[in-house]
Amino acid sequence: MKQAQRDVCRRYGAGFDALDLSCKLGISAGALRGEQRLNGLRHPPENGTNGWYIWGGEELSADPEFFMPLHAHHLQKLCVSVLPYLALPPGWRFLIAPDYEDVWYDSTLLAPRD
């Protein structure tokens, strides 16, 4: 998996920030159900999280219960298709779907959150 992650980072000119699989991330129920158009964005890590938020579908919800915490190692069985993108450093986003991939840098993700 590390080689696939290095390939994604190289392809988009991003640094490589290896993911600590013991840390938590935020994931939506839709992503766990296999909804297509998987989205991910990475804030700076804090409080035992790795900064990743992953959701399935078109819309990012403002509902405070939209994301549930999950240790990243569970993705190896629950949401494998996102794994190649999870070494992208904070400030990066991705959108993947069958036969579609978009990865981009978003500096607003590095701004302090309230």
C-alpha atoms as a PDB file:
ATOM      1  CA  MET A   1       0.000   0.000   0.000  1.00  0.00           C
ATOM      2  CA  LYS A   2       2.843   2.401   0.767  1.00  0.00           C
ATOM      3  CA  GLN A   3       3.974   2.251  -2.866  1.00  0.00           C
ATOM      4  CA  ALA A   4       0.460   3.137  -4.095  1.00  0.00           C
ATOM      5  CA  GLN A   5       0.434   6.042  -1.617  1.00  0.00           C
ATOM      6  CA  ARG A   6       3.851   7.231  -2.798  1.00  0.00           C
ATOM      7  CA  ASP A   7       2.619   7.051  -6.411  1.00  0.00           C
ATOM      8  CA  VAL A   8      -0.408   9.249  -5.630  1.00  0.00           C
ATOM      9  CA  CYS A   9       1.747  11.808  -3.831  1.00  0.00           C
ATOM     10  CA  ARG A  10       4.295  11.861  -6.640  1.00  0.00           C
ATOM     11  CA  ARG A  11       1.622  12.123  -9.344  1.00  0.00           C
ATOM     12  CA  TYR A  12       0.151  15.250  -7.719  1.00  0.00           C
ATOM     13  CA  GLY A  13       3.385  16.816  -6.489  1.00  0.00           C
ATOM     14  CA  ALA A  14       2.483  16.393  -2.826  1.00  0.00           C
ATOM     15  CA  GLY A  15       4.738  15.477   0.047  1.00  0.00           C
ATOM     16  CA  PHE A  16       4.436  12.012   1.548  1.00  0.00           C
ATOM     17  CA  ASP A  17       2.952  11.980   5.066  1.00  0.00           C
ATOM     18  CA  ALA A  18       2.675   8.345   6.123  1.00  0.00           C
ATOM     19  CA  LEU A  19      -0.552   7.564   7.911  1.00  0.00           C
ATOM     20  CA  ASP A  20      -0.455   6.234  11.456  1.00  0.00           C
ATOM     21  CA  LEU A  21      -3.092   3.493  11.247  1.00  0.00           C
ATOM     22  CA  SER A  22      -3.632   3.614  15.005  1.00  0.00           C
ATOM     23  CA  CYS A  23      -4.927   7.200  14.829  1.00  0.00           C
ATOM     24  CA  LYS A  24      -8.560   8.041  14.313  1.00  0.00           C
ATOM     25  CA  LEU A  25     -10.219   9.763  11.398  1.00  0.00           C
ATOM     26  CA  GLY A  26     -13.756  10.940  10.754  1.00  0.00           C
ATOM     27  CA  ILE A  27     -15.871   8.921   8.334  1.00  0.00           C
ATOM     28  CA  SER A  28     -19.502   9.114   7.271  1.00  0.00           C
ATOM     29  CA  ALA A  29     -21.941   6.231   7.327  1.00  0.00           C
ATOM     30  CA  GLY A  30     -22.360   6.714   3.571  1.00  0.00           C
ATOM     31  CA  ALA A  31     -18.681   6.027   2.944  1.00  0.00           C
ATOM     32  CA  LEU A  32     -18.892   2.876   5.044  1.00  0.00           C
ATOM     33  CA  ARG A  33     -21.989   1.767   3.083  1.00  0.00           C
ATOM     34  CA  GLY A  34     -20.026   2.102  -0.144  1.00  0.00           C
ATOM     35  CA  GLU A  35     -21.668   5.240  -1.530  1.00  0.00           C
ATOM     36  CA  GLN A  36     -19.788   6.380  -4.579  1.00  0.00           C
ATOM     37  CA  ARG A  37     -18.067   9.653  -4.991  1.00  0.00           C
ATOM     38  CA  LEU A  38     -15.808   9.168  -2.040  1.00  0.00           C
ATOM     39  CA  ASN A  39     -14.479  12.477  -0.787  1.00  0.00           C
ATOM     40  CA  GLY A  40     -11.631  13.085   1.604  1.00  0.00           C
ATOM     41  CA  LEU A  41      -9.967  16.115   3.103  1.00  0.00           C
ATOM     42  CA  ARG A  42      -7.150  16.410   5.586  1.00  0.00           C
ATOM     43  CA  HIS A  43      -6.813  19.004   8.309  1.00  0.00           C
ATOM     44  CA  PRO A  44      -3.701  19.116  10.500  1.00  0.00           C
ATOM     45  CA  PRO A  45      -3.666  16.222  13.004  1.00  0.00           C
ATOM     46  CA  GLU A  46      -4.866  16.979  16.525  1.00  0.00           C
ATOM     47  CA  ASN A  47      -5.991  15.174  19.677  1.00  0.00           C
ATOM     48  CA  GLY A  48      -5.127  11.665  18.474  1.00  0.00           C
ATOM     49  CA  THR A  49      -6.660  12.097  15.033  1.00  0.00           C
ATOM     50  CA  ASN A  50      -4.794  12.080  11.736  1.00  0.00           C
ATOM     51  CA  GLY A  51      -6.824  14.962  10.289  1.00  0.00           C
ATOM     52  CA  TRP A  52      -8.702  12.935   7.645  1.00  0.00           C
ATOM     53  CA  TYR A  53     -12.452  13.272   7.079  1.00  0.00           C
ATOM     54  CA  ILE A  54     -13.980  10.933   4.510  1.00  0.00           C
ATOM     55  CA  TRP A  55     -17.551  10.885   3.211  1.00  0.00           C
ATOM     56  CA  GLY A  56     -19.566   9.246   0.482  1.00  0.00           C
ATOM     57  CA  GLY A  57     -21.978  10.978  -1.859  1.00  0.00           C
ATOM     58  CA  GLU A  58     -22.334  14.488  -3.177  1.00  0.00           C
ATOM     59  CA  GLU A  59     -22.770  16.654  -0.112  1.00  0.00           C
ATOM     60  CA  LEU A  60     -20.733  17.342   2.995  1.00  0.00           C
ATOM     61  CA  SER A  61     -23.181  17.696   5.878  1.00  0.00           C
ATOM     62  CA  ALA A  62     -22.876  20.254   8.692  1.00  0.00           C
ATOM     63  CA  ASP A  63     -24.619  17.811  11.055  1.00  0.00           C
ATOM     64  CA  PRO A  64     -22.259  17.303  14.023  1.00  0.00           C
ATOM     65  CA  GLU A  65     -23.001  13.560  13.893  1.00  0.00           C
ATOM     66  CA  PHE A  66     -22.256  13.201  10.168  1.00  0.00           C
ATOM     67  CA  PHE A  67     -18.760  11.895  10.877  1.00  0.00           C
ATOM     68  CA  MET A  68     -18.035   9.093  13.276  1.00  0.00           C
ATOM     69  CA  PRO A  69     -14.584   8.302  14.644  1.00  0.00           C
ATOM     70  CA  LEU A  70     -12.819   5.249  13.273  1.00  0.00           C
ATOM     71  CA  HIS A  71      -9.293   3.955  13.738  1.00  0.00           C
ATOM     72  CA  ALA A  72      -7.621   4.134  10.336  1.00  0.00           C
ATOM     73  CA  HIS A  73      -6.597   0.462  10.371  1.00  0.00           C
ATOM     74  CA  HIS A  74     -10.294  -0.487   9.948  1.00  0.00           C
ATOM     75  CA  LEU A  75     -10.243   1.061   6.474  1.00  0.00           C
ATOM     76  CA  GLN A  76      -8.291  -1.971   5.289  1.00  0.00           C
ATOM     77  CA  LYS A  77     -11.587  -3.894   5.435  1.00  0.00           C
ATOM     78  CA  LEU A  78     -14.271  -1.205   5.372  1.00  0.00           C
ATOM     79  CA  CYS A  79     -13.179   1.347   2.759  1.00  0.00           C
ATOM     80  CA  VAL A  80     -10.096   0.087   0.905  1.00  0.00           C
ATOM     81  CA  SER A  81     -10.399   2.407  -2.088  1.00  0.00           C
ATOM     82  CA  VAL A  82      -9.357   5.479  -0.066  1.00  0.00           C
ATOM     83  CA  LEU A  83      -6.110   3.969   1.239  1.00  0.00           C
ATOM     84  CA  PRO A  84      -3.863   5.112  -1.651  1.00  0.00           C
ATOM     85  CA  TYR A  85      -4.760   8.763  -0.887  1.00  0.00           C
ATOM     86  CA  LEU A  86      -4.184   8.768   2.853  1.00  0.00           C
ATOM     87  CA  ALA A  87      -0.487   9.687   2.751  1.00  0.00           C
ATOM     88  CA  LEU A  88      -1.354  13.068   1.252  1.00  0.00           C
ATOM     89  CA  PRO A  89      -0.354  15.701   3.822  1.00  0.00           C
ATOM     90  CA  PRO A  90      -2.690  18.137   5.581  1.00  0.00           C
ATOM     91  CA  GLY A  91      -4.204  20.603   3.153  1.00  0.00           C
ATOM     92  CA  TRP A  92      -4.987  18.004   0.476  1.00  0.00           C
ATOM     93  CA  ARG A  93      -8.320  16.694  -0.769  1.00  0.00           C
ATOM     94  CA  PHE A  94      -9.479  13.918  -3.059  1.00  0.00           C
ATOM     95  CA  LEU A  95     -12.607  12.855  -4.890  1.00  0.00           C
ATOM     96  CA  ILE A  96     -12.774   9.366  -6.356  1.00  0.00           C
ATOM     97  CA  ALA A  97     -15.485   7.440  -8.164  1.00  0.00           C
ATOM     98  CA  PRO A  98     -15.460   4.608 -10.682  1.00  0.00           C
ATOM     99  CA  ASP A  99     -13.160   5.741 -13.524  1.00  0.00           C
ATOM    100  CA  TYR A 100     -12.637   9.148 -11.902  1.00  0.00           C
ATOM    101  CA  GLU A 101      -9.939  10.659  -9.686  1.00  0.00           C
ATOM    102  CA  ASP A 102      -9.312  14.241  -8.636  1.00  0.00           C
ATOM    103  CA  VAL A 103      -6.732  15.330  -6.073  1.00  0.00           C
ATOM    104  CA  TRP A 104      -5.984  18.936  -5.158  1.00  0.00           C
ATOM    105  CA  TYR A 105      -4.431  21.194  -2.550  1.00  0.00           C
ATOM    106  CA  ASP A 106      -6.728  23.430  -0.493  1.00  0.00           C
ATOM    107  CA  SER A 107      -4.851  25.847   1.785  1.00  0.00           C
ATOM    108  CA  THR A 108      -8.066  26.704   3.689  1.00  0.00           C
ATOM    109  CA  LEU A 109      -7.817  23.285   5.361  1.00  0.00           C
ATOM    110  CA  LEU A 110      -4.742  24.519   7.230  1.00  0.00           C
ATOM    111  CA  ALA A 111      -6.515  27.477   8.859  1.00  0.00           C
ATOM    112  CA  PRO A 112      -7.260  27.100  12.576  1.00  0.00           C
ATOM    113  CA  ARG A 113     -10.680  25.573  13.232  1.00  0.00           C
ATOM    114  CA  ASP A 114     -13.091  26.784  15.882  1.00  0.00           C
END
